[in-house]
Structure formats: structure tokens, C-alpha cells
Amino acid sequence: MIRKVLHSKIHQAVVTEARPDYQGSLTIDANLLEQTGIRPNDAILVANCETGSRFETYVFRGEPGSGIIGINGAAAHLASPGDRVIIIHWAHMSEEEAQQHHPRVLLMNPDNTVGESMTYDPCPA
């Protein structure tokens, strides 16, 4: 059986821009992508901590060190600069892979620097 499990998460990042006129996606600072293992074009789920809205989109690579969390396209109507969001990245894994996987989690500071980097323990079978 293949399961959809948490691969990685960027917790409480702050939206720096919302551009409804731009092609759809979420632009994320390349340094954050590297730290989590999220890749450009990967599918993600975004939860807005201010409004409760959730949407699925894909990743664009942002300038390294920029701190950018830019919501683009139609999704830009679901968040505003200053909103805190949780970016959730899933992976499909076999039972064996899921039992060995340690999801990477970044707990963000208000300036989109990493406050803490951690991993979650895998779930037992």
C-alpha cells in the first residue's frame, strides 16, 4: 500500500507578497526549499492561519536569502501580506518508507528566518 504522508512543513511563515496577476504558484525562498527538501514544481497545501483558508498549489523557487513567501495567481485572493501560513508538503510512500521517514519541519520567525529546525519521529506500523 502507498500512503500520502507528511514529507516536510514550513510552519508560520509570513506572506511577503500576494500577486493575483502573476502565474499561479507559491514562491518560496530557495534556502527554505533546500532545508526542507521541497523542490520547484512540487505540489503543496497552504493553510492560512489568519483566515482558515486552505489551497493547493505548486512551488516556484525564490531568490536565496530573500525571505520571500509570495502567493501568486488566483490563490493570492486567499492571503494578504502579513498573513501567517503553514506550507505542507506531502509524499507518497510505501509502508516501509513511511516507517523510516522523519519529516523535516521549519518553525519560522516573523521575519521568515528559521527559528528552529526539527524532524518528527516516524509513525510506528
N, C-alpha and C. Protein backbone atom coordinates (compact mmCIF):
# COMPACT_ATOMS: atom_id res chain seq x y z
N MET A 1 0.84 -1.18 0.00
CA MET A 1 0.00 0.00 0.00
C MET A 1 0.89 1.25 0.00
N ILE A 2 0.45 2.25 -0.71
CA ILE A 2 1.13 3.55 -0.74
C ILE A 2 0.31 4.52 0.10
N ARG A 3 0.98 5.26 0.97
CA ARG A 3 0.33 6.25 1.83
C ARG A 3 0.78 7.66 1.44
N LYS A 4 -0.12 8.61 1.60
CA LYS A 4 0.22 10.03 1.46
C LYS A 4 0.58 10.51 2.85
N VAL A 5 1.84 10.87 3.06
CA VAL A 5 2.33 11.25 4.38
C VAL A 5 3.04 12.60 4.33
N LEU A 6 3.21 13.20 5.49
CA LEU A 6 3.92 14.47 5.58
C LEU A 6 5.38 14.26 5.19
N HIS A 7 5.83 15.00 4.22
CA HIS A 7 7.24 14.99 3.84
C HIS A 7 7.99 16.07 4.61
N SER A 8 7.42 17.30 4.61
CA SER A 8 8.05 18.42 5.29
C SER A 8 7.03 19.54 5.47
N LYS A 9 7.40 20.50 6.33
CA LYS A 9 6.47 21.59 6.64
C LYS A 9 7.25 22.86 6.97
N ILE A 10 6.73 23.99 6.49
CA ILE A 10 7.24 25.31 6.88
C ILE A 10 6.12 25.94 7.70
N HIS A 11 6.34 26.09 9.00
CA HIS A 11 5.29 26.46 9.94
C HIS A 11 5.34 27.94 10.29
N GLN A 12 4.22 28.63 10.03
CA GLN A 12 4.02 30.03 10.39
C GLN A 12 4.97 30.98 9.65
N ALA A 13 5.15 30.71 8.35
CA ALA A 13 5.86 31.67 7.50
C ALA A 13 4.94 32.87 7.26
N VAL A 14 5.52 34.01 7.01
CA VAL A 14 4.74 35.22 6.80
C VAL A 14 4.71 35.56 5.31
N VAL A 15 3.51 35.75 4.79
CA VAL A 15 3.34 36.11 3.38
C VAL A 15 3.97 37.49 3.15
N THR A 16 4.86 37.56 2.16
CA THR A 16 5.53 38.82 1.85
C THR A 16 4.89 39.53 0.66
N GLU A 17 4.20 38.77 -0.20
CA GLU A 17 3.51 39.39 -1.32
C GLU A 17 2.39 38.49 -1.80
N ALA A 18 1.36 39.13 -2.37
CA ALA A 18 0.24 38.41 -2.97
C ALA A 18 0.00 39.08 -4.33
N ARG A 19 0.19 38.30 -5.40
CA ARG A 19 0.15 38.85 -6.76
C ARG A 19 -0.89 38.10 -7.59
N PRO A 20 -2.13 38.56 -7.60
CA PRO A 20 -3.16 37.85 -8.37
C PRO A 20 -2.94 37.89 -9.88
N ASP A 21 -2.15 38.84 -10.37
CA ASP A 21 -1.91 38.97 -11.80
C ASP A 21 -0.78 38.08 -12.30
N TYR A 22 -0.10 37.39 -11.39
CA TYR A 22 1.06 36.56 -11.74
C TYR A 22 0.61 35.12 -11.95
N GLN A 23 1.42 34.34 -12.67
CA GLN A 23 1.11 32.91 -12.85
C GLN A 23 0.95 32.24 -11.49
N GLY A 24 0.03 31.32 -11.39
CA GLY A 24 -0.26 30.65 -10.12
C GLY A 24 0.89 29.85 -9.58
N SER A 25 1.08 29.92 -8.29
CA SER A 25 2.11 29.15 -7.58
C SER A 25 2.36 29.81 -6.23
N LEU A 26 3.31 29.26 -5.50
CA LEU A 26 3.80 29.88 -4.27
C LEU A 26 5.31 30.00 -4.41
N THR A 27 5.82 31.21 -4.37
CA THR A 27 7.26 31.44 -4.46
C THR A 27 7.84 31.35 -3.05
N ILE A 28 8.84 30.50 -2.88
CA ILE A 28 9.46 30.27 -1.57
C ILE A 28 10.96 30.47 -1.69
N ASP A 29 11.53 31.19 -0.72
CA ASP A 29 12.98 31.39 -0.62
C ASP A 29 13.69 30.05 -0.85
N ALA A 30 14.65 30.03 -1.77
CA ALA A 30 15.37 28.80 -2.12
C ALA A 30 16.06 28.17 -0.92
N ASN A 31 16.51 28.98 0.04
CA ASN A 31 17.16 28.41 1.22
C ASN A 31 16.18 27.56 2.03
N LEU A 32 14.93 27.98 2.10
CA LEU A 32 13.92 27.20 2.83
C LEU A 32 13.61 25.91 2.08
N LEU A 33 13.59 25.98 0.76
CA LEU A 33 13.37 24.77 -0.03
C LEU A 33 14.48 23.76 0.24
N GLU A 34 15.70 24.23 0.22
CA GLU A 34 16.84 23.34 0.45
C GLU A 34 16.77 22.69 1.83
N GLN A 35 16.39 23.46 2.83
CA GLN A 35 16.35 22.92 4.19
C GLN A 35 15.24 21.89 4.40
N THR A 36 14.19 21.97 3.61
CA THR A 36 13.06 21.05 3.78
C THR A 36 13.05 19.91 2.77
N GLY A 37 13.78 20.07 1.67
CA GLY A 37 13.73 19.06 0.61
C GLY A 37 12.58 19.27 -0.35
N ILE A 38 11.85 20.38 -0.22
CA ILE A 38 10.80 20.72 -1.17
C ILE A 38 11.47 21.20 -2.45
N ARG A 39 10.95 20.79 -3.61
CA ARG A 39 11.54 21.16 -4.89
C ARG A 39 10.59 22.03 -5.69
N PRO A 40 11.14 22.85 -6.60
CA PRO A 40 10.26 23.59 -7.50
C PRO A 40 9.33 22.63 -8.24
N ASN A 41 8.10 23.06 -8.42
CA ASN A 41 7.03 22.32 -9.09
C ASN A 41 6.38 21.26 -8.22
N ASP A 42 6.89 21.00 -7.01
CA ASP A 42 6.22 20.07 -6.10
C ASP A 42 4.87 20.63 -5.70
N ALA A 43 3.90 19.74 -5.51
CA ALA A 43 2.58 20.14 -5.02
C ALA A 43 2.66 20.38 -3.52
N ILE A 44 1.95 21.42 -3.07
CA ILE A 44 1.90 21.75 -1.64
C ILE A 44 0.48 22.15 -1.26
N LEU A 45 0.20 22.05 0.03
CA LEU A 45 -1.04 22.56 0.61
C LEU A 45 -0.65 23.74 1.49
N VAL A 46 -1.38 24.84 1.36
CA VAL A 46 -1.10 26.04 2.16
C VAL A 46 -2.31 26.33 3.04
N ALA A 47 -2.08 26.48 4.34
CA ALA A 47 -3.13 26.82 5.29
C ALA A 47 -2.86 28.22 5.82
N ASN A 48 -3.85 29.11 5.67
CA ASN A 48 -3.72 30.49 6.14
C ASN A 48 -4.16 30.53 7.60
N CYS A 49 -3.24 30.86 8.51
CA CYS A 49 -3.53 30.88 9.95
C CYS A 49 -4.45 32.03 10.33
N GLU A 50 -4.56 33.05 9.48
CA GLU A 50 -5.40 34.21 9.80
C GLU A 50 -6.85 33.98 9.39
N THR A 51 -7.06 33.37 8.22
CA THR A 51 -8.42 33.24 7.68
C THR A 51 -8.98 31.83 7.74
N GLY A 52 -8.08 30.85 7.90
CA GLY A 52 -8.51 29.46 7.89
C GLY A 52 -8.61 28.87 6.50
N SER A 53 -8.41 29.68 5.47
CA SER A 53 -8.50 29.15 4.10
C SER A 53 -7.33 28.21 3.84
N ARG A 54 -7.59 27.24 2.97
CA ARG A 54 -6.57 26.29 2.54
C ARG A 54 -6.64 26.19 1.03
N PHE A 55 -5.48 26.04 0.41
CA PHE A 55 -5.45 25.86 -1.04
C PHE A 55 -4.23 25.04 -1.41
N GLU A 56 -4.38 24.36 -2.54
CA GLU A 56 -3.28 23.57 -3.07
C GLU A 56 -2.69 24.31 -4.26
N THR A 57 -1.37 24.28 -4.36
CA THR A 57 -0.68 24.90 -5.47
C THR A 57 0.64 24.19 -5.67
N TYR A 58 1.57 24.82 -6.37
CA TYR A 58 2.89 24.25 -6.59
C TYR A 58 3.94 25.30 -6.30
N VAL A 59 5.19 24.87 -6.26
CA VAL A 59 6.28 25.70 -5.77
C VAL A 59 7.08 26.33 -6.91
N PHE A 60 7.37 27.63 -6.75
CA PHE A 60 8.38 28.34 -7.54
C PHE A 60 9.56 28.59 -6.60
N ARG A 61 10.77 28.56 -7.16
CA ARG A 61 11.99 28.84 -6.39
C ARG A 61 12.19 30.35 -6.32
N GLY A 62 12.30 30.87 -5.07
CA GLY A 62 12.56 32.29 -4.87
C GLY A 62 14.04 32.55 -4.65
N GLU A 63 14.40 33.79 -4.71
CA GLU A 63 15.79 34.21 -4.52
C GLU A 63 16.30 33.73 -3.16
N PRO A 64 17.48 33.07 -3.12
CA PRO A 64 18.03 32.62 -1.84
C PRO A 64 18.26 33.79 -0.88
N GLY A 65 17.85 33.62 0.35
CA GLY A 65 18.05 34.64 1.38
C GLY A 65 17.07 35.79 1.33
N SER A 66 16.11 35.74 0.41
CA SER A 66 15.15 36.84 0.27
C SER A 66 14.04 36.81 1.31
N GLY A 67 13.78 35.64 1.88
CA GLY A 67 12.66 35.51 2.81
C GLY A 67 11.31 35.51 2.14
N ILE A 68 11.29 35.43 0.81
CA ILE A 68 10.02 35.54 0.09
C ILE A 68 9.10 34.35 0.35
N ILE A 69 7.86 34.68 0.62
CA ILE A 69 6.74 33.75 0.62
C ILE A 69 5.68 34.50 -0.20
N GLY A 70 5.69 34.24 -1.50
CA GLY A 70 4.84 35.00 -2.40
C GLY A 70 3.73 34.15 -2.97
N ILE A 71 2.52 34.58 -2.73
CA ILE A 71 1.35 33.85 -3.23
C ILE A 71 0.91 34.49 -4.54
N ASN A 72 0.81 33.64 -5.56
CA ASN A 72 0.58 34.12 -6.91
C ASN A 72 -0.72 33.58 -7.49
N GLY A 73 -1.23 34.27 -8.50
CA GLY A 73 -2.41 33.81 -9.22
C GLY A 73 -3.67 33.89 -8.38
N ALA A 74 -4.62 33.02 -8.69
CA ALA A 74 -5.92 33.05 -8.01
C ALA A 74 -5.79 32.90 -6.50
N ALA A 75 -4.80 32.12 -6.05
CA ALA A 75 -4.61 31.91 -4.60
C ALA A 75 -4.27 33.21 -3.88
N ALA A 76 -3.79 34.22 -4.61
CA ALA A 76 -3.45 35.49 -3.98
C ALA A 76 -4.68 36.17 -3.38
N HIS A 77 -5.87 35.74 -3.78
CA HIS A 77 -7.10 36.28 -3.19
C HIS A 77 -7.40 35.63 -1.85
N LEU A 78 -6.62 34.60 -1.47
CA LEU A 78 -6.85 33.86 -0.22
C LEU A 78 -5.86 34.23 0.87
N ALA A 79 -4.95 35.16 0.59
CA ALA A 79 -3.96 35.57 1.58
C ALA A 79 -3.49 36.98 1.27
N SER A 80 -3.03 37.66 2.31
CA SER A 80 -2.52 39.03 2.18
C SER A 80 -1.14 39.10 2.80
N PRO A 81 -0.31 40.04 2.35
CA PRO A 81 0.98 40.22 3.01
C PRO A 81 0.78 40.41 4.51
N GLY A 82 1.60 39.73 5.28
CA GLY A 82 1.50 39.76 6.74
C GLY A 82 0.77 38.56 7.32
N ASP A 83 -0.02 37.84 6.50
CA ASP A 83 -0.69 36.63 6.99
C ASP A 83 0.34 35.56 7.29
N ARG A 84 0.10 34.80 8.33
CA ARG A 84 0.94 33.64 8.65
C ARG A 84 0.35 32.41 7.97
N VAL A 85 1.21 31.60 7.34
CA VAL A 85 0.75 30.41 6.64
C VAL A 85 1.58 29.20 7.06
N ILE A 86 0.97 28.04 6.91
CA ILE A 86 1.65 26.77 7.09
C ILE A 86 1.72 26.12 5.71
N ILE A 87 2.92 25.80 5.28
CA ILE A 87 3.14 25.18 3.98
C ILE A 87 3.42 23.71 4.21
N ILE A 88 2.54 22.86 3.69
CA ILE A 88 2.60 21.43 3.94
C ILE A 88 2.95 20.70 2.65
N HIS A 89 3.97 19.89 2.72
CA HIS A 89 4.44 19.13 1.55
C HIS A 89 4.25 17.65 1.83
N TRP A 90 3.55 16.99 0.93
CA TRP A 90 3.25 15.56 1.08
C TRP A 90 4.17 14.72 0.22
N ALA A 91 4.26 13.44 0.55
CA ALA A 91 4.95 12.46 -0.29
C ALA A 91 4.16 11.16 -0.25
N HIS A 92 4.23 10.41 -1.32
CA HIS A 92 3.61 9.09 -1.36
C HIS A 92 4.70 8.07 -1.08
N MET A 93 4.47 7.25 -0.04
CA MET A 93 5.49 6.30 0.40
C MET A 93 4.88 4.94 0.67
N SER A 94 5.71 3.95 0.53
CA SER A 94 5.31 2.60 0.94
C SER A 94 5.28 2.55 2.47
N GLU A 95 4.70 1.52 3.01
CA GLU A 95 4.68 1.34 4.47
C GLU A 95 6.09 1.39 5.04
N GLU A 96 7.00 0.71 4.37
CA GLU A 96 8.38 0.64 4.86
C GLU A 96 9.05 2.01 4.83
N GLU A 97 8.84 2.74 3.73
CA GLU A 97 9.42 4.08 3.63
C GLU A 97 8.85 5.01 4.70
N ALA A 98 7.54 4.96 4.90
CA ALA A 98 6.88 5.83 5.88
C ALA A 98 7.38 5.55 7.30
N GLN A 99 7.67 4.29 7.58
CA GLN A 99 8.15 3.93 8.92
C GLN A 99 9.57 4.43 9.18
N GLN A 100 10.30 4.76 8.12
CA GLN A 100 11.68 5.25 8.26
C GLN A 100 11.81 6.76 8.06
N HIS A 101 10.75 7.39 7.55
CA HIS A 101 10.84 8.81 7.17
C HIS A 101 10.68 9.73 8.38
N HIS A 102 11.54 10.72 8.47
CA HIS A 102 11.49 11.75 9.50
C HIS A 102 11.14 13.08 8.81
N PRO A 103 9.88 13.51 8.83
CA PRO A 103 9.52 14.77 8.18
C PRO A 103 10.33 15.94 8.74
N ARG A 104 10.80 16.81 7.85
CA ARG A 104 11.56 18.00 8.25
C ARG A 104 10.58 19.15 8.46
N VAL A 105 10.78 19.87 9.55
CA VAL A 105 9.87 20.96 9.92
C VAL A 105 10.70 22.20 10.26
N LEU A 106 10.31 23.33 9.65
CA LEU A 106 10.92 24.61 9.99
C LEU A 106 9.90 25.44 10.74
N LEU A 107 10.24 25.89 11.94
CA LEU A 107 9.40 26.80 12.71
C LEU A 107 9.96 28.20 12.46
N MET A 108 9.14 29.04 11.85
CA MET A 108 9.63 30.31 11.33
C MET A 108 9.49 31.47 12.33
N ASN A 109 10.42 32.41 12.23
CA ASN A 109 10.34 33.68 12.93
C ASN A 109 9.48 34.64 12.10
N PRO A 110 9.01 35.74 12.70
CA PRO A 110 8.18 36.70 11.95
C PRO A 110 8.87 37.33 10.73
N ASP A 111 10.20 37.29 10.67
CA ASP A 111 10.91 37.86 9.51
C ASP A 111 11.28 36.79 8.48
N ASN A 112 10.65 35.61 8.59
CA ASN A 112 10.87 34.48 7.69
C ASN A 112 12.28 33.91 7.75
N THR A 113 12.95 34.11 8.88
CA THR A 113 14.16 33.34 9.15
C THR A 113 13.73 32.12 9.97
N VAL A 114 14.55 31.12 9.98
CA VAL A 114 14.23 29.88 10.68
C VAL A 114 14.51 30.04 12.17
N GLY A 115 13.46 29.89 12.97
CA GLY A 115 13.62 29.93 14.42
C GLY A 115 14.11 28.61 14.97
N GLU A 116 13.61 27.53 14.39
CA GLU A 116 14.00 26.19 14.81
C GLU A 116 13.79 25.22 13.65
N SER A 117 14.71 24.31 13.50
CA SER A 117 14.60 23.24 12.53
C SER A 117 14.52 21.93 13.30
N MET A 118 13.55 21.10 12.92
CA MET A 118 13.38 19.86 13.65
C MET A 118 12.87 18.78 12.71
N THR A 119 12.81 17.55 13.21
CA THR A 119 12.19 16.46 12.47
C THR A 119 11.18 15.81 13.39
N TYR A 120 10.18 15.19 12.78
CA TYR A 120 9.19 14.40 13.53
C TYR A 120 9.63 12.95 13.48
N ASP A 121 9.34 12.22 14.53
CA ASP A 121 9.60 10.78 14.52
C ASP A 121 8.64 10.09 13.58
N PRO A 122 9.08 9.02 12.92
CA PRO A 122 8.15 8.29 12.06
C PRO A 122 7.09 7.58 12.90
N CYS A 123 5.97 7.33 12.28
CA CYS A 123 4.90 6.61 12.96
C CYS A 123 5.22 5.12 12.96
N PRO A 124 4.96 4.46 14.07
CA PRO A 124 5.17 3.00 14.06
C PRO A 124 4.10 2.33 13.21
N ALA A 125 4.40 1.15 12.77
CA ALA A 125 3.45 0.40 11.93
C ALA A 125 2.16 0.15 12.67
